[in-house]
Amino acid sequence: MRRLLVKYASGCSVAPLTPFHAGTFSKIRLHIGKGVQLDLRGEGDIWLRCLSDHSVFVQSYYLDREAGRAPGDAVHKIYPSAYIKVFDLRQCHRQMQQQAATAQAAAAAQAAAVAGHLTGPAPVIGINLTAAAGIGVDDLRRLCILRLSFVKGWGPDYPRQSIKETPCWIEVHLNRALQLLDEVLISMPIEGPRPHE
């Protein structure tokens, strides 16, 4: 098991990167305390331990699924001393493959409809073709990122709608997941299925 410790280092100053005054920044550092510990298990599962005396808030598609929420719909509050799985590489890979295939099928169906080769209802049942065709690489990349804020939460359940409105936050880009995304995108055929002529 490999570990990444995310915490304030006394020899490092990130004050120039933030619009807060020195007093506000000092308060934020006090709240972060020892920060969080991220553990890598297996090929790419990530577990988070909250080392701070205050909660941290995580945007995690894995936790969304576990909570029965729509992907990207929630920010999850992780309490001090909690140790919880926040990312599952296999689940992420399945989601990538599914979303990429859905987007490709929707784009092919739209192209067939525009060319006049599609009559009647769309062949992709239960999927909004316009929304599915609009899935892009950036949407798939979001599956490979964990976003954390310290002390304050954000999103639909909080007064702050964006993570950028919180005093201190980080994004963790998961390299193995991004490598798998590359493989999914490379394996997709350049041309979709051709409509019958």
N, C-alpha and C. Protein backbone atom coordinates (compact mmCIF):
# COMPACT_ATOMS: atom_id res chain seq x y z
N MET A 1 0.85 -1.17 0.00
CA MET A 1 0.00 0.00 0.00
C MET A 1 0.90 1.24 0.00
N ARG A 2 0.64 2.14 -0.97
CA ARG A 2 1.39 3.39 -1.02
C ARG A 2 0.55 4.49 -0.41
N ARG A 3 1.20 5.50 0.15
CA ARG A 3 0.48 6.58 0.82
C ARG A 3 0.91 7.93 0.29
N LEU A 4 -0.04 8.83 0.25
CA LEU A 4 0.22 10.22 -0.06
C LEU A 4 -0.35 11.02 1.08
N LEU A 5 0.48 11.78 1.73
CA LEU A 5 0.04 12.59 2.86
C LEU A 5 -0.14 14.01 2.37
N VAL A 6 -1.34 14.54 2.52
CA VAL A 6 -1.63 15.90 2.10
C VAL A 6 -1.81 16.72 3.36
N LYS A 7 -0.85 17.55 3.66
CA LYS A 7 -0.97 18.37 4.87
C LYS A 7 -0.16 19.64 4.69
N TYR A 8 -0.39 20.57 5.57
CA TYR A 8 0.34 21.83 5.52
C TYR A 8 1.78 21.59 5.96
N ALA A 9 2.70 22.04 5.17
CA ALA A 9 4.12 21.92 5.51
C ALA A 9 4.60 23.28 5.99
N SER A 10 5.21 23.34 7.17
CA SER A 10 5.60 24.63 7.75
C SER A 10 6.60 25.39 6.89
N GLY A 11 7.36 24.69 6.06
CA GLY A 11 8.33 25.37 5.21
C GLY A 11 7.76 25.82 3.88
N CYS A 12 6.49 25.59 3.64
CA CYS A 12 5.88 25.89 2.35
C CYS A 12 4.83 26.98 2.53
N SER A 13 4.83 27.96 1.68
CA SER A 13 3.83 29.01 1.75
C SER A 13 3.02 29.02 0.46
N VAL A 14 1.72 28.86 0.59
CA VAL A 14 0.84 28.96 -0.56
C VAL A 14 0.02 30.24 -0.51
N ALA A 15 0.38 31.13 0.40
CA ALA A 15 -0.37 32.38 0.56
C ALA A 15 -0.50 33.18 -0.73
N PRO A 16 0.54 33.29 -1.58
CA PRO A 16 0.38 34.06 -2.80
C PRO A 16 -0.65 33.49 -3.76
N LEU A 17 -1.03 32.21 -3.58
CA LEU A 17 -1.97 31.58 -4.48
C LEU A 17 -3.42 31.83 -4.09
N THR A 18 -3.64 32.46 -2.96
CA THR A 18 -4.99 32.65 -2.47
C THR A 18 -5.29 34.13 -2.26
N PRO A 19 -6.56 34.53 -2.46
CA PRO A 19 -6.91 35.94 -2.28
C PRO A 19 -7.14 36.33 -0.82
N PHE A 20 -6.97 35.41 0.11
CA PHE A 20 -7.24 35.71 1.51
C PHE A 20 -6.08 36.48 2.15
N HIS A 21 -6.41 37.23 3.17
CA HIS A 21 -5.40 37.94 3.95
C HIS A 21 -4.68 36.96 4.86
N ALA A 22 -3.54 37.38 5.39
CA ALA A 22 -2.70 36.50 6.21
C ALA A 22 -3.48 35.93 7.40
N GLY A 23 -4.30 36.75 8.04
CA GLY A 23 -5.08 36.28 9.20
C GLY A 23 -6.04 35.18 8.81
N THR A 24 -6.72 35.33 7.69
CA THR A 24 -7.65 34.31 7.22
C THR A 24 -6.90 33.04 6.86
N PHE A 25 -5.75 33.20 6.22
CA PHE A 25 -4.95 32.03 5.82
C PHE A 25 -4.48 31.27 7.05
N SER A 26 -4.08 31.98 8.09
CA SER A 26 -3.65 31.32 9.33
C SER A 26 -4.78 30.52 9.95
N LYS A 27 -6.01 31.06 9.91
CA LYS A 27 -7.17 30.34 10.43
C LYS A 27 -7.40 29.06 9.64
N ILE A 28 -7.27 29.17 8.32
CA ILE A 28 -7.48 28.01 7.47
C ILE A 28 -6.46 26.93 7.80
N ARG A 29 -5.20 27.31 7.96
CA ARG A 29 -4.16 26.33 8.32
C ARG A 29 -4.48 25.65 9.64
N LEU A 30 -5.01 26.40 10.60
CA LEU A 30 -5.38 25.81 11.89
C LEU A 30 -6.48 24.77 11.71
N HIS A 31 -7.45 25.06 10.85
CA HIS A 31 -8.55 24.13 10.62
C HIS A 31 -8.09 22.88 9.87
N ILE A 32 -7.17 23.04 8.92
CA ILE A 32 -6.68 21.88 8.17
C ILE A 32 -5.94 20.95 9.10
N GLY A 33 -5.18 21.52 10.03
CA GLY A 33 -4.44 20.69 10.99
C GLY A 33 -3.52 19.73 10.27
N LYS A 34 -3.70 18.46 10.53
CA LYS A 34 -2.85 17.43 9.92
C LYS A 34 -3.31 17.01 8.54
N GLY A 35 -4.43 17.54 8.07
CA GLY A 35 -4.88 17.28 6.71
C GLY A 35 -5.54 15.94 6.52
N VAL A 36 -5.23 15.29 5.40
CA VAL A 36 -5.79 13.98 5.08
C VAL A 36 -4.66 13.07 4.63
N GLN A 37 -4.93 11.79 4.70
CA GLN A 37 -4.00 10.78 4.19
C GLN A 37 -4.75 9.99 3.13
N LEU A 38 -4.14 9.86 1.96
CA LEU A 38 -4.73 9.05 0.89
C LEU A 38 -3.89 7.79 0.73
N ASP A 39 -4.56 6.65 0.80
CA ASP A 39 -3.88 5.36 0.64
C ASP A 39 -4.29 4.75 -0.69
N LEU A 40 -3.30 4.29 -1.44
CA LEU A 40 -3.53 3.59 -2.70
C LEU A 40 -3.50 2.10 -2.40
N ARG A 41 -4.58 1.42 -2.73
CA ARG A 41 -4.65 -0.03 -2.53
C ARG A 41 -4.81 -0.70 -3.88
N GLY A 42 -4.09 -1.79 -4.05
CA GLY A 42 -4.18 -2.52 -5.31
C GLY A 42 -3.66 -1.66 -6.45
N GLU A 43 -4.32 -1.78 -7.60
CA GLU A 43 -3.88 -1.05 -8.77
C GLU A 43 -4.37 0.40 -8.79
N GLY A 44 -5.41 0.71 -8.01
CA GLY A 44 -5.88 2.09 -8.09
C GLY A 44 -7.04 2.47 -7.19
N ASP A 45 -7.37 1.67 -6.19
CA ASP A 45 -8.42 2.08 -5.26
C ASP A 45 -7.82 3.05 -4.25
N ILE A 46 -8.57 4.11 -3.93
CA ILE A 46 -8.09 5.15 -3.03
C ILE A 46 -8.95 5.17 -1.77
N TRP A 47 -8.27 5.16 -0.63
CA TRP A 47 -8.92 5.30 0.67
C TRP A 47 -8.44 6.59 1.30
N LEU A 48 -9.34 7.29 1.99
CA LEU A 48 -9.02 8.57 2.61
C LEU A 48 -9.17 8.46 4.12
N ARG A 49 -8.18 8.99 4.84
CA ARG A 49 -8.26 9.10 6.30
C ARG A 49 -8.21 10.59 6.62
N CYS A 50 -9.19 11.05 7.39
CA CYS A 50 -9.22 12.46 7.81
C CYS A 50 -8.39 12.59 9.08
N LEU A 51 -7.24 13.25 8.96
CA LEU A 51 -6.34 13.45 10.10
C LEU A 51 -6.63 14.77 10.82
N SER A 52 -7.43 15.60 10.20
CA SER A 52 -7.76 16.91 10.74
C SER A 52 -8.74 16.79 11.91
N ASP A 53 -8.82 17.83 12.71
CA ASP A 53 -9.83 17.88 13.78
C ASP A 53 -11.18 18.33 13.23
N HIS A 54 -11.21 18.70 11.96
CA HIS A 54 -12.44 19.17 11.31
C HIS A 54 -12.74 18.28 10.11
N SER A 55 -13.98 18.24 9.71
CA SER A 55 -14.39 17.42 8.57
C SER A 55 -13.76 17.91 7.28
N VAL A 56 -13.62 16.99 6.33
CA VAL A 56 -13.26 17.34 4.97
C VAL A 56 -14.45 16.94 4.10
N PHE A 57 -14.53 17.53 2.91
CA PHE A 57 -15.65 17.30 2.01
C PHE A 57 -15.09 16.80 0.69
N VAL A 58 -15.67 15.72 0.18
CA VAL A 58 -15.12 15.03 -0.98
C VAL A 58 -16.18 14.87 -2.06
N GLN A 59 -15.79 15.19 -3.29
CA GLN A 59 -16.63 14.85 -4.44
C GLN A 59 -16.06 13.56 -4.99
N SER A 60 -16.87 12.50 -4.94
CA SER A 60 -16.41 11.16 -5.30
C SER A 60 -17.55 10.41 -5.99
N TYR A 61 -17.33 10.00 -7.24
CA TYR A 61 -18.35 9.24 -7.96
C TYR A 61 -18.58 7.88 -7.30
N TYR A 62 -17.54 7.33 -6.70
CA TYR A 62 -17.69 6.06 -5.98
C TYR A 62 -18.66 6.23 -4.81
N LEU A 63 -18.47 7.28 -4.00
CA LEU A 63 -19.36 7.51 -2.86
C LEU A 63 -20.77 7.85 -3.33
N ASP A 64 -20.89 8.54 -4.47
CA ASP A 64 -22.22 8.82 -5.02
C ASP A 64 -22.96 7.51 -5.27
N ARG A 65 -22.28 6.58 -5.93
CA ARG A 65 -22.90 5.29 -6.25
C ARG A 65 -23.27 4.54 -4.97
N GLU A 66 -22.36 4.54 -4.00
CA GLU A 66 -22.62 3.85 -2.74
C GLU A 66 -23.81 4.46 -1.99
N ALA A 67 -24.00 5.77 -2.15
CA ALA A 67 -25.10 6.47 -1.47
C ALA A 67 -26.39 6.46 -2.29
N GLY A 68 -26.33 5.87 -3.50
CA GLY A 68 -27.52 5.82 -4.36
C GLY A 68 -27.84 7.15 -5.00
N ARG A 69 -26.85 8.01 -5.18
CA ARG A 69 -27.06 9.33 -5.78
C ARG A 69 -26.55 9.32 -7.21
N ALA A 70 -27.02 10.29 -7.99
CA ALA A 70 -26.55 10.44 -9.36
C ALA A 70 -25.07 10.85 -9.33
N PRO A 71 -24.28 10.40 -10.31
CA PRO A 71 -22.86 10.77 -10.34
C PRO A 71 -22.65 12.29 -10.37
N GLY A 72 -21.80 12.77 -9.47
CA GLY A 72 -21.50 14.20 -9.40
C GLY A 72 -22.57 15.02 -8.70
N ASP A 73 -23.56 14.34 -8.10
CA ASP A 73 -24.70 15.01 -7.49
C ASP A 73 -24.44 15.47 -6.06
N ALA A 74 -23.44 14.90 -5.41
CA ALA A 74 -23.28 15.17 -3.98
C ALA A 74 -21.83 15.44 -3.61
N VAL A 75 -21.68 16.12 -2.49
CA VAL A 75 -20.38 16.28 -1.85
C VAL A 75 -20.52 15.56 -0.51
N HIS A 76 -19.58 14.71 -0.21
CA HIS A 76 -19.68 13.84 0.96
C HIS A 76 -18.80 14.37 2.09
N LYS A 77 -19.41 14.47 3.28
CA LYS A 77 -18.71 14.96 4.46
C LYS A 77 -18.00 13.79 5.14
N ILE A 78 -16.69 13.93 5.30
CA ILE A 78 -15.88 12.90 5.95
C ILE A 78 -15.45 13.44 7.31
N TYR A 79 -15.85 12.77 8.34
CA TYR A 79 -15.61 13.24 9.70
C TYR A 79 -14.18 12.95 10.17
N PRO A 80 -13.70 13.70 11.17
CA PRO A 80 -12.36 13.46 11.70
C PRO A 80 -12.17 11.99 12.11
N SER A 81 -11.00 11.46 11.83
CA SER A 81 -10.59 10.09 12.13
C SER A 81 -11.25 9.04 11.25
N ALA A 82 -12.14 9.43 10.37
CA ALA A 82 -12.79 8.45 9.48
C ALA A 82 -11.78 7.93 8.47
N TYR A 83 -11.98 6.69 8.08
CA TYR A 83 -11.16 6.04 7.05
C TYR A 83 -12.14 5.40 6.08
N ILE A 84 -12.19 5.89 4.85
CA ILE A 84 -13.24 5.48 3.92
C ILE A 84 -12.71 5.39 2.50
N LYS A 85 -13.23 4.43 1.76
CA LYS A 85 -12.87 4.27 0.36
C LYS A 85 -13.57 5.38 -0.43
N VAL A 86 -12.81 6.10 -1.26
CA VAL A 86 -13.38 7.22 -2.02
C VAL A 86 -13.25 7.04 -3.53
N PHE A 87 -12.53 5.99 -3.97
CA PHE A 87 -12.36 5.77 -5.40
C PHE A 87 -12.13 4.29 -5.67
N ASP A 88 -12.85 3.77 -6.67
CA ASP A 88 -12.72 2.38 -7.09
C ASP A 88 -12.35 2.36 -8.56
N LEU A 89 -11.16 1.88 -8.88
CA LEU A 89 -10.66 1.92 -10.26
C LEU A 89 -11.51 1.08 -11.20
N ARG A 90 -11.94 -0.10 -10.78
CA ARG A 90 -12.76 -0.94 -11.67
C ARG A 90 -14.09 -0.27 -11.99
N GLN A 91 -14.72 0.30 -10.98
CA GLN A 91 -15.99 0.99 -11.21
C GLN A 91 -15.79 2.16 -12.16
N CYS A 92 -14.72 2.92 -11.96
CA CYS A 92 -14.41 4.06 -12.81
C CYS A 92 -14.22 3.61 -14.26
N HIS A 93 -13.49 2.53 -14.45
CA HIS A 93 -13.23 2.01 -15.80
C HIS A 93 -14.54 1.58 -16.47
N ARG A 94 -15.41 0.90 -15.72
CA ARG A 94 -16.72 0.50 -16.27
C ARG A 94 -17.54 1.72 -16.67
N GLN A 95 -17.54 2.75 -15.79
CA GLN A 95 -18.28 3.98 -16.11
C GLN A 95 -17.74 4.65 -17.35
N MET A 96 -16.43 4.71 -17.48
CA MET A 96 -15.81 5.29 -18.68
C MET A 96 -16.28 4.56 -19.94
N GLN A 97 -16.16 3.23 -19.91
CA GLN A 97 -16.53 2.44 -21.07
C GLN A 97 -18.01 2.62 -21.41
N GLN A 98 -18.85 2.61 -20.39
CA GLN A 98 -20.29 2.74 -20.61
C GLN A 98 -20.63 4.12 -21.18
N GLN A 99 -20.10 5.17 -20.57
CA GLN A 99 -20.41 6.52 -21.04
C GLN A 99 -19.85 6.77 -22.44
N ALA A 100 -18.65 6.27 -22.72
CA ALA A 100 -18.06 6.46 -24.05
C ALA A 100 -18.89 5.72 -25.09
N ALA A 101 -19.31 4.48 -24.81
CA ALA A 101 -20.12 3.71 -25.75
C ALA A 101 -21.48 4.36 -25.96
N THR A 102 -22.09 4.85 -24.88
CA THR A 102 -23.39 5.52 -24.98
C THR A 102 -23.28 6.78 -25.83
N ALA A 103 -22.24 7.56 -25.58
CA ALA A 103 -22.04 8.79 -26.35
C ALA A 103 -21.82 8.48 -27.83
N GLN A 104 -21.05 7.44 -28.11
CA GLN A 104 -20.78 7.08 -29.49
C GLN A 104 -22.06 6.60 -30.19
N ALA A 105 -22.85 5.78 -29.50
CA ALA A 105 -24.11 5.29 -30.08
C ALA A 105 -25.09 6.44 -30.31
N ALA A 106 -25.14 7.37 -29.36
CA ALA A 106 -26.04 8.52 -29.50
C ALA A 106 -25.61 9.40 -30.67
N ALA A 107 -24.30 9.62 -30.81
CA ALA A 107 -23.81 10.44 -31.92
C ALA A 107 -24.11 9.76 -33.26
N ALA A 108 -23.95 8.43 -33.32
CA ALA A 108 -24.25 7.70 -34.55
C ALA A 108 -25.73 7.78 -34.88
N ALA A 109 -26.59 7.66 -33.85
CA ALA A 109 -28.04 7.75 -34.07
C ALA A 109 -28.43 9.14 -34.54
N GLN A 110 -27.81 10.17 -33.96
CA GLN A 110 -28.09 11.54 -34.40
C GLN A 110 -27.64 11.76 -35.84
N ALA A 111 -26.47 11.23 -36.18
CA ALA A 111 -25.96 11.37 -37.55
C ALA A 111 -26.89 10.67 -38.53
N ALA A 112 -27.40 9.49 -38.16
CA ALA A 112 -28.32 8.77 -39.02
C ALA A 112 -29.63 9.54 -39.18
N ALA A 113 -30.09 10.15 -38.09
CA ALA A 113 -31.33 10.93 -38.16
C ALA A 113 -31.16 12.15 -39.06
N VAL A 114 -30.03 12.83 -38.95
CA VAL A 114 -29.76 14.01 -39.78
C VAL A 114 -29.67 13.60 -41.25
N ALA A 115 -29.08 12.44 -41.51
CA ALA A 115 -28.93 11.96 -42.90
C ALA A 115 -30.23 11.39 -43.44
N GLY A 116 -31.24 11.28 -42.59
CA GLY A 116 -32.54 10.77 -43.03
C GLY A 116 -32.62 9.26 -43.07
N HIS A 117 -31.69 8.59 -42.43
CA HIS A 117 -31.67 7.13 -42.43
C HIS A 117 -32.34 6.53 -41.21
N LEU A 118 -32.83 7.36 -40.33
CA LEU A 118 -33.44 6.86 -39.10
C LEU A 118 -34.89 7.29 -39.10
N THR A 119 -35.78 6.33 -39.01
CA THR A 119 -37.20 6.66 -38.93
C THR A 119 -37.75 6.07 -37.64
N GLY A 120 -38.74 6.72 -37.09
CA GLY A 120 -39.35 6.22 -35.87
C GLY A 120 -38.52 6.60 -34.66
N PRO A 121 -38.78 5.90 -33.53
CA PRO A 121 -38.06 6.24 -32.30
C PRO A 121 -36.58 5.90 -32.40
N ALA A 122 -35.82 6.57 -31.58
CA ALA A 122 -34.37 6.37 -31.56
C ALA A 122 -34.04 4.94 -31.13
N PRO A 123 -32.97 4.34 -31.71
CA PRO A 123 -32.62 2.98 -31.36
C PRO A 123 -32.02 2.82 -29.97
N VAL A 124 -31.61 3.91 -29.37
CA VAL A 124 -31.03 3.84 -28.03
C VAL A 124 -32.15 4.12 -27.04
N ILE A 125 -32.66 3.07 -26.43
CA ILE A 125 -33.85 3.18 -25.58
C ILE A 125 -33.46 3.67 -24.19
N GLY A 126 -34.27 4.60 -23.65
CA GLY A 126 -34.07 5.08 -22.29
C GLY A 126 -32.94 6.08 -22.14
N ILE A 127 -32.41 6.61 -23.24
CA ILE A 127 -31.29 7.54 -23.17
C ILE A 127 -31.65 8.81 -23.91
N ASN A 128 -31.40 9.93 -23.31
CA ASN A 128 -31.58 11.22 -23.97
C ASN A 128 -30.43 11.37 -24.97
N LEU A 129 -30.75 11.25 -26.26
CA LEU A 129 -29.71 11.25 -27.28
C LEU A 129 -28.90 12.53 -27.29
N THR A 130 -29.56 13.67 -27.12
CA THR A 130 -28.84 14.94 -27.14
C THR A 130 -27.85 15.00 -25.99
N ALA A 131 -28.29 14.62 -24.80
CA ALA A 131 -27.40 14.65 -23.63
C ALA A 131 -26.28 13.63 -23.79
N ALA A 132 -26.60 12.43 -24.25
CA ALA A 132 -25.58 11.39 -24.40
C ALA A 132 -24.56 11.76 -25.47
N ALA A 133 -25.02 12.36 -26.55
CA ALA A 133 -24.08 12.76 -27.61
C ALA A 133 -23.19 13.91 -27.14
N GLY A 134 -23.63 14.64 -26.13
CA GLY A 134 -22.86 15.76 -25.61
C GLY A 134 -21.77 15.37 -24.62
N ILE A 135 -21.68 14.08 -24.28
CA ILE A 135 -20.63 13.62 -23.36
C ILE A 135 -19.30 13.75 -24.07
N GLY A 136 -18.38 14.48 -23.46
CA GLY A 136 -17.07 14.69 -24.06
C GLY A 136 -15.95 14.15 -23.20
N VAL A 137 -14.75 14.36 -23.66
CA VAL A 137 -13.57 13.88 -22.95
C VAL A 137 -13.49 14.51 -21.56
N ASP A 138 -13.84 15.79 -21.44
CA ASP A 138 -13.79 16.44 -20.12
C ASP A 138 -14.75 15.78 -19.14
N ASP A 139 -15.91 15.36 -19.63
CA ASP A 139 -16.87 14.66 -18.76
C ASP A 139 -16.28 13.34 -18.27
N LEU A 140 -15.58 12.65 -19.16
CA LEU A 140 -14.96 11.39 -18.78
C LEU A 140 -13.77 11.61 -17.85
N ARG A 141 -13.04 12.69 -18.05
CA ARG A 141 -11.90 13.00 -17.17
C ARG A 141 -12.34 13.27 -15.75
N ARG A 142 -13.54 13.83 -15.58
CA ARG A 142 -14.04 14.11 -14.22
C ARG A 142 -14.15 12.83 -13.39
N LEU A 143 -14.34 11.70 -14.06
CA LEU A 143 -14.40 10.43 -13.35
C LEU A 143 -13.06 10.09 -12.70
N CYS A 144 -11.97 10.70 -13.17
CA CYS A 144 -10.60 10.39 -12.75
C CYS A 144 -10.05 11.40 -11.75
N ILE A 145 -10.92 12.21 -11.17
CA ILE A 145 -10.48 13.29 -10.29
C ILE A 145 -11.26 13.22 -8.97
N LEU A 146 -10.54 13.37 -7.87
CA LEU A 146 -11.16 13.56 -6.56
C LEU A 146 -10.99 15.03 -6.20
N ARG A 147 -12.05 15.65 -5.70
CA ARG A 147 -11.95 17.04 -5.24
C ARG A 147 -12.29 17.07 -3.77
N LEU A 148 -11.42 17.75 -3.00
CA LEU A 148 -11.58 17.82 -1.54
C LEU A 148 -11.52 19.26 -1.09
N SER A 149 -12.36 19.60 -0.13
CA SER A 149 -12.25 20.90 0.52
C SER A 149 -12.12 20.67 2.02
N PHE A 150 -11.41 21.56 2.65
CA PHE A 150 -11.19 21.47 4.10
C PHE A 150 -12.12 22.46 4.80
N VAL A 151 -12.72 22.04 5.88
CA VAL A 151 -13.54 22.85 6.77
C VAL A 151 -14.93 23.15 6.21
N LYS A 152 -15.05 23.60 4.97
CA LYS A 152 -16.35 24.01 4.41
C LYS A 152 -16.72 23.14 3.22
N GLY A 153 -18.01 22.81 3.13
CA GLY A 153 -18.51 22.03 2.01
C GLY A 153 -19.05 22.92 0.91
N TRP A 154 -19.44 22.31 -0.20
CA TRP A 154 -20.00 23.05 -1.34
C TRP A 154 -20.98 22.14 -2.05
N GLY A 155 -21.70 22.70 -2.98
CA GLY A 155 -22.62 21.90 -3.78
C GLY A 155 -24.07 22.14 -3.41
N PRO A 156 -24.97 21.28 -3.91
CA PRO A 156 -26.40 21.49 -3.74
C PRO A 156 -26.87 21.47 -2.29
N ASP A 157 -26.12 20.83 -1.41
CA ASP A 157 -26.52 20.74 0.00
C ASP A 157 -25.88 21.81 0.88
N TYR A 158 -25.13 22.74 0.27
CA TYR A 158 -24.40 23.76 1.02
C TYR A 158 -24.62 25.13 0.40
N PRO A 159 -24.37 26.21 1.19
CA PRO A 159 -24.54 27.57 0.65
C PRO A 159 -23.57 27.87 -0.50
N ARG A 160 -22.39 27.26 -0.48
CA ARG A 160 -21.40 27.48 -1.55
C ARG A 160 -21.69 26.51 -2.68
N GLN A 161 -21.92 27.02 -3.88
CA GLN A 161 -22.25 26.14 -5.00
C GLN A 161 -21.02 25.56 -5.68
N SER A 162 -19.88 26.21 -5.56
CA SER A 162 -18.66 25.78 -6.23
C SER A 162 -17.55 25.52 -5.20
N ILE A 163 -16.70 24.56 -5.49
CA ILE A 163 -15.57 24.29 -4.61
C ILE A 163 -14.67 25.51 -4.52
N LYS A 164 -14.66 26.33 -5.56
CA LYS A 164 -13.81 27.52 -5.59
C LYS A 164 -14.25 28.58 -4.58
N GLU A 165 -15.44 28.41 -4.02
CA GLU A 165 -15.94 29.33 -3.00
C GLU A 165 -15.53 28.90 -1.59
N THR A 166 -14.87 27.76 -1.46
CA THR A 166 -14.43 27.30 -0.14
C THR A 166 -13.04 27.87 0.15
N PRO A 167 -12.69 28.01 1.43
CA PRO A 167 -11.40 28.63 1.77
C PRO A 167 -10.17 27.85 1.30
N CYS A 168 -10.26 26.51 1.28
CA CYS A 168 -9.09 25.72 0.92
C CYS A 168 -9.55 24.41 0.29
N TRP A 169 -9.06 24.14 -0.91
CA TRP A 169 -9.46 22.92 -1.60
C TRP A 169 -8.34 22.41 -2.49
N ILE A 170 -8.42 21.13 -2.83
CA ILE A 170 -7.44 20.51 -3.73
C ILE A 170 -8.16 19.58 -4.70
N GLU A 171 -7.53 19.33 -5.83
CA GLU A 171 -7.96 18.31 -6.78
C GLU A 171 -6.87 17.27 -6.84
N VAL A 172 -7.25 16.01 -6.83
CA VAL A 172 -6.30 14.92 -6.95
C VAL A 172 -6.60 14.22 -8.28
N HIS A 173 -5.67 14.31 -9.22
CA HIS A 173 -5.81 13.66 -10.52
C HIS A 173 -5.20 12.27 -10.43
N LEU A 174 -5.99 11.26 -10.73
CA LEU A 174 -5.58 9.88 -10.54
C LEU A 174 -4.99 9.33 -11.85
N ASN A 175 -3.67 9.20 -11.85
CA ASN A 175 -2.94 8.86 -13.07
C ASN A 175 -3.37 7.53 -13.68
N ARG A 176 -3.54 6.48 -12.86
CA ARG A 176 -3.90 5.18 -13.44
C ARG A 176 -5.26 5.26 -14.11
N ALA A 177 -6.20 5.96 -13.50
CA ALA A 177 -7.52 6.12 -14.10
C ALA A 177 -7.43 6.90 -15.41
N LEU A 178 -6.58 7.93 -15.45
CA LEU A 178 -6.39 8.69 -16.68
C LEU A 178 -5.74 7.83 -17.77
N GLN A 179 -4.85 6.92 -17.39
CA GLN A 179 -4.27 6.00 -18.37
C GLN A 179 -5.34 5.08 -18.95
N LEU A 180 -6.23 4.60 -18.10
CA LEU A 180 -7.33 3.75 -18.58
C LEU A 180 -8.27 4.53 -19.49
N LEU A 181 -8.49 5.79 -19.17
CA LEU A 181 -9.32 6.63 -20.04
C LEU A 181 -8.69 6.75 -21.42
N ASP A 182 -7.38 6.96 -21.46
CA ASP A 182 -6.68 7.00 -22.75
C ASP A 182 -6.92 5.71 -23.53
N GLU A 183 -6.82 4.57 -22.85
CA GLU A 183 -7.03 3.28 -23.51
C GLU A 183 -8.45 3.16 -24.04
N VAL A 184 -9.44 3.61 -23.26
CA VAL A 184 -10.84 3.55 -23.70
C VAL A 184 -11.02 4.42 -24.95
N LEU A 185 -10.47 5.62 -24.93
CA LEU A 185 -10.64 6.53 -26.07
C LEU A 185 -9.91 6.03 -27.31
N ILE A 186 -8.73 5.46 -27.12
CA ILE A 186 -7.96 4.94 -28.26
C ILE A 186 -8.66 3.72 -28.87
N SER A 187 -9.30 2.91 -28.04
CA SER A 187 -9.94 1.69 -28.55
C SER A 187 -11.27 1.96 -29.26
N MET A 188 -11.81 3.17 -29.15
CA MET A 188 -13.07 3.49 -29.82
C MET A 188 -12.83 3.61 -31.32
N PRO A 189 -13.73 3.04 -32.12
CA PRO A 189 -13.58 3.19 -33.56
C PRO A 189 -13.72 4.65 -33.97
N ILE A 190 -12.95 5.05 -34.96
CA ILE A 190 -13.01 6.45 -35.41
C ILE A 190 -14.35 6.74 -36.05
N GLU A 191 -14.85 5.81 -36.84
CA GLU A 191 -16.15 5.99 -37.46
C GLU A 191 -17.15 5.11 -36.73
N GLY A 192 -18.31 5.65 -36.47
CA GLY A 192 -19.36 4.88 -35.84
C GLY A 192 -20.00 3.93 -36.83
N PRO A 193 -20.96 3.15 -36.37
CA PRO A 193 -21.65 2.23 -37.28
C PRO A 193 -22.33 3.01 -38.40
N ARG A 194 -22.23 2.50 -39.60
CA ARG A 194 -22.82 3.18 -40.76
C ARG A 194 -24.30 2.83 -40.85
N PRO A 195 -25.13 3.83 -41.13
CA PRO A 195 -26.55 3.55 -41.30
C PRO A 195 -26.78 2.72 -42.57
N HIS A 196 -27.86 1.98 -42.55
CA HIS A 196 -28.19 1.18 -43.75
C HIS A 196 -28.60 2.10 -44.87
N GLU A 197 -28.14 1.81 -46.08
CA GLU A 197 -28.46 2.68 -47.22
C GLU A 197 -29.49 2.03 -48.09
